[in-house]
């Protein structure tokens, strides 16, 4: 997926990468990374849980962009920090990549993603990487 420089798009030439400080928003809207979680295999069907959380996330972003990446943890407690959940840790690592391929993170259900004050503690990290967080 390409990033677009507004001026180049306006004159009809695509550029492979936007200049630093310009929006990475593609013409079709924001590119979202979906994050969801199922606590245990014994108490939840991971496929069903991922399905309804993803559906909620898709409904939330409809008309604003599309989900281009998916990160879904199974068996990790929400009390664990994101850096200790395999898929959440992978998502956090992707934030530092300027070619990460997404502009925002969408969560299917707040309580599946965050516990206690986790969101408040992570907000500055998301801001530092110019990432929007969309919550239901």
Protein backbone atom coordinates (compact mmCIF):
# COMPACT_ATOMS: atom_id res chain seq x y z
CA UNK A 1 0.00 0.00 0.00
CA UNK A 2 1.31 3.46 -0.85
CA UNK A 3 1.34 6.61 1.20
CA UNK A 4 0.16 9.67 -0.68
CA UNK A 5 1.51 13.18 -0.68
CA UNK A 6 -1.45 15.57 -1.09
CA UNK A 7 0.26 17.79 -3.68
CA UNK A 8 1.46 14.86 -5.80
CA UNK A 9 -1.99 13.32 -5.66
CA UNK A 10 -3.53 16.66 -6.66
CA UNK A 11 -1.32 16.93 -9.74
CA UNK A 12 -1.92 13.28 -10.59
CA UNK A 13 1.39 11.73 -9.59
CA UNK A 14 1.57 9.17 -6.81
CA UNK A 15 4.62 9.16 -4.60
CA UNK A 16 5.66 5.96 -2.86
CA UNK A 17 6.13 7.66 0.51
CA UNK A 18 4.77 10.80 2.10
CA UNK A 19 7.18 13.38 3.41
CA UNK A 20 7.76 13.40 7.14
CA UNK A 21 4.96 15.23 8.88
CA UNK A 22 2.35 14.65 6.18
CA UNK A 23 -0.67 12.46 6.69
CA UNK A 24 -0.41 8.80 5.77
CA UNK A 25 -4.14 8.68 5.18
CA UNK A 26 -4.89 6.95 1.91
CA UNK A 27 -7.59 8.36 -0.40
CA UNK A 28 -9.98 5.55 0.57
CA UNK A 29 -9.75 6.48 4.26
CA UNK A 30 -7.79 5.40 7.28
CA UNK A 31 -6.01 2.08 7.39
CA UNK A 32 -6.83 0.28 10.62
CA UNK A 33 -5.11 -2.45 12.58
CA UNK A 34 -7.68 -4.52 14.48
CA UNK A 35 -6.88 -5.70 18.01
CA UNK A 36 -8.93 -8.25 19.90
CA UNK A 37 -8.49 -10.86 22.60
CA UNK A 38 -10.08 -14.05 23.89
CA UNK A 39 -9.09 -14.87 27.45
CA UNK A 40 -8.97 -18.67 27.38
CA UNK A 41 -9.57 -21.50 24.97
CA UNK A 42 -11.44 -23.42 27.70
CA UNK A 43 -14.06 -20.73 28.33
CA UNK A 44 -14.40 -19.10 24.91
CA UNK A 45 -14.30 -20.24 21.33
CA UNK A 46 -11.48 -18.09 19.90
CA UNK A 47 -12.88 -18.11 16.36
CA UNK A 48 -16.34 -16.98 17.50
CA UNK A 49 -14.87 -14.36 19.83
CA UNK A 50 -12.60 -13.00 17.12
CA UNK A 51 -15.51 -12.95 14.69
CA UNK A 52 -17.86 -10.82 16.77
CA UNK A 53 -15.08 -8.49 17.92
CA UNK A 54 -13.91 -8.02 14.34
CA UNK A 55 -17.49 -7.41 13.20
CA UNK A 56 -17.92 -4.73 15.90
CA UNK A 57 -14.66 -3.11 14.79
CA UNK A 58 -15.67 -3.16 11.12
CA UNK A 59 -18.99 -1.56 12.00
CA UNK A 60 -17.18 1.17 13.96
CA UNK A 61 -14.82 2.10 11.09
CA UNK A 62 -17.37 1.76 8.28
CA UNK A 63 -17.24 4.83 6.08
CA UNK A 64 -13.95 5.98 7.62
CA UNK A 65 -11.52 3.40 6.25
CA UNK A 66 -10.83 -0.31 6.36
CA UNK A 67 -9.05 -2.91 8.46
CA UNK A 68 -5.76 -3.88 6.84
CA UNK A 69 -4.08 -5.80 9.67
CA UNK A 70 -5.30 -8.04 12.46
CA UNK A 71 -3.80 -8.84 15.86
CA UNK A 72 -5.74 -11.24 18.09
CA UNK A 73 -4.49 -12.73 21.34
CA UNK A 74 -5.83 -16.01 22.73
CA UNK A 75 -5.15 -17.09 26.29
CA UNK A 76 -3.68 -13.81 27.56
CA UNK A 77 -5.37 -12.08 30.46
CA UNK A 78 -6.40 -8.49 29.89
CA UNK A 79 -4.55 -7.67 33.11
CA UNK A 80 -1.28 -8.46 31.34
CA UNK A 81 0.42 -5.41 29.86
CA UNK A 82 0.30 -5.34 26.06
CA UNK A 83 4.04 -5.98 25.88
CA UNK A 84 3.40 -9.39 27.53
CA UNK A 85 0.62 -10.47 25.14
CA UNK A 86 2.09 -11.97 21.94
CA UNK A 87 -0.12 -10.25 19.35
CA UNK A 88 -0.43 -6.98 21.26
CA UNK A 89 3.37 -6.91 21.60
CA UNK A 90 3.68 -7.44 17.84
CA UNK A 91 1.26 -4.57 17.27
CA UNK A 92 3.28 -2.33 19.59
CA UNK A 93 6.48 -3.24 17.75
CA UNK A 94 4.84 -2.28 14.45
CA UNK A 95 4.18 1.24 15.76
CA UNK A 96 7.85 2.15 15.40
CA UNK A 97 7.90 1.13 11.72
CA UNK A 98 7.26 4.12 9.46
CA UNK A 99 5.98 1.66 6.81
CA UNK A 100 3.67 -0.12 9.24
CA UNK A 101 0.76 -0.01 6.80
CA UNK A 102 -1.86 1.34 9.22
CA UNK A 103 -2.82 4.75 10.58
CA UNK A 104 -5.06 3.77 13.47
CA UNK A 105 -5.93 0.91 15.80
CA UNK A 106 -9.52 -0.22 16.24
CA UNK A 107 -10.57 -2.35 19.19
CA UNK A 108 -13.63 -4.58 18.98
CA UNK A 109 -14.43 -4.43 22.71
CA UNK A 110 -12.72 -2.14 25.20
CA UNK A 111 -12.86 -4.64 28.08
CA UNK A 112 -11.09 -7.28 25.97
CA UNK A 113 -8.21 -4.94 25.22
CA UNK A 114 -7.65 -2.93 28.38
CA UNK A 115 -7.87 -3.36 32.14
CA UNK A 116 -7.66 -0.79 34.92
CA UNK A 117 -5.62 2.22 33.72
CA UNK A 118 -3.82 0.49 30.81
CA UNK A 119 -5.40 2.69 28.17
CA UNK A 120 -4.47 5.90 29.98
CA UNK A 121 -0.89 4.68 30.42
CA UNK A 122 -0.61 3.77 26.72
CA UNK A 123 -2.23 6.91 25.31
CA UNK A 124 1.06 8.84 25.16
CA UNK A 125 2.70 5.97 23.25
CA UNK A 126 -0.07 6.05 20.66
CA UNK A 127 0.19 9.85 20.37
CA UNK A 128 3.98 9.69 20.03
CA UNK A 129 3.57 7.38 17.03
CA UNK A 130 0.72 9.46 15.58
CA UNK A 131 -1.73 6.57 15.92
CA UNK A 132 -5.43 7.07 16.49
CA UNK A 133 -7.28 4.62 18.73
CA UNK A 134 -10.89 3.88 17.87
CA UNK A 135 -12.93 2.34 20.66
CA UNK A 136 -16.52 1.09 20.70
